[in-house]
Amino acid sequence: MARLGVAYSAVQDSVGAAAIDEVYLDAPGWSAVVTAAAGWLRYWWPTTTLR
């Protein structure tokens, strides 16, 4: 989660907190947000779905 927060904060700092969704998605750092989210889901998903 920490990596996701860092990546998202970097994008938010670069585009501004009031930016619309499309601006976030077009930001150069957005791929790092997606990668961090995927990494987090990779560990979270199996632990919650196998209960």
Protein backbone atom coordinates (compact mmCIF):
# COMPACT_ATOMS: atom_id res chain seq x y z
CA MET A 1 0.00 0.00 0.00
CA ALA A 2 2.86 2.36 0.71
CA ARG A 3 4.12 2.09 -2.88
CA LEU A 4 0.64 2.80 -4.18
CA GLY A 5 0.35 5.86 -1.97
CA VAL A 6 3.73 7.18 -3.07
CA ALA A 7 2.97 6.64 -6.75
CA TYR A 8 -0.49 8.21 -6.52
CA SER A 9 0.81 11.18 -4.54
CA ALA A 10 3.49 11.81 -7.15
CA VAL A 11 0.87 11.89 -9.92
CA GLN A 12 -1.43 14.08 -7.86
CA ASP A 13 1.43 16.50 -7.18
CA SER A 14 2.21 16.69 -10.88
CA VAL A 15 -1.34 17.24 -12.14
CA GLY A 16 -3.00 18.96 -9.19
CA ALA A 17 -5.60 17.62 -6.80
CA ALA A 18 -8.48 19.24 -8.71
CA ALA A 19 -7.60 17.61 -12.04
CA ILE A 20 -10.22 15.53 -13.82
CA ASP A 21 -9.79 11.78 -14.24
CA GLU A 22 -8.53 11.99 -17.80
CA VAL A 23 -5.63 14.20 -16.72
CA TYR A 24 -4.60 11.64 -14.11
CA LEU A 25 -4.78 8.83 -16.67
CA ASP A 26 -2.63 10.79 -19.13
CA ALA A 27 0.02 11.66 -16.52
CA PRO A 28 3.45 10.13 -17.18
CA GLY A 29 3.51 8.56 -13.70
CA TRP A 30 0.13 6.84 -13.98
CA SER A 31 1.72 3.56 -15.09
CA ALA A 32 3.54 3.45 -11.74
CA VAL A 33 0.17 3.78 -9.97
CA VAL A 34 -1.26 0.88 -11.98
CA THR A 35 1.84 -1.24 -11.34
CA ALA A 36 1.70 -0.54 -7.60
CA ALA A 37 -2.01 -1.37 -7.47
CA ALA A 38 -1.44 -4.62 -9.35
CA GLY A 39 1.37 -5.55 -6.97
CA TRP A 40 -0.86 -4.94 -3.98
CA LEU A 41 -3.76 -6.89 -5.48
CA ARG A 42 -1.43 -9.78 -6.28
CA TYR A 43 -1.03 -10.41 -2.55
CA TRP A 44 -4.40 -9.21 -1.28
CA TRP A 45 -6.72 -11.04 -3.68
CA PRO A 46 -5.72 -14.64 -2.88
CA THR A 47 -5.77 -14.08 0.87
CA THR A 48 -9.31 -12.72 0.80
CA THR A 49 -10.86 -15.01 -1.81
CA LEU A 50 -9.57 -18.25 -0.36
CA ARG A 51 -11.16 -17.84 3.06
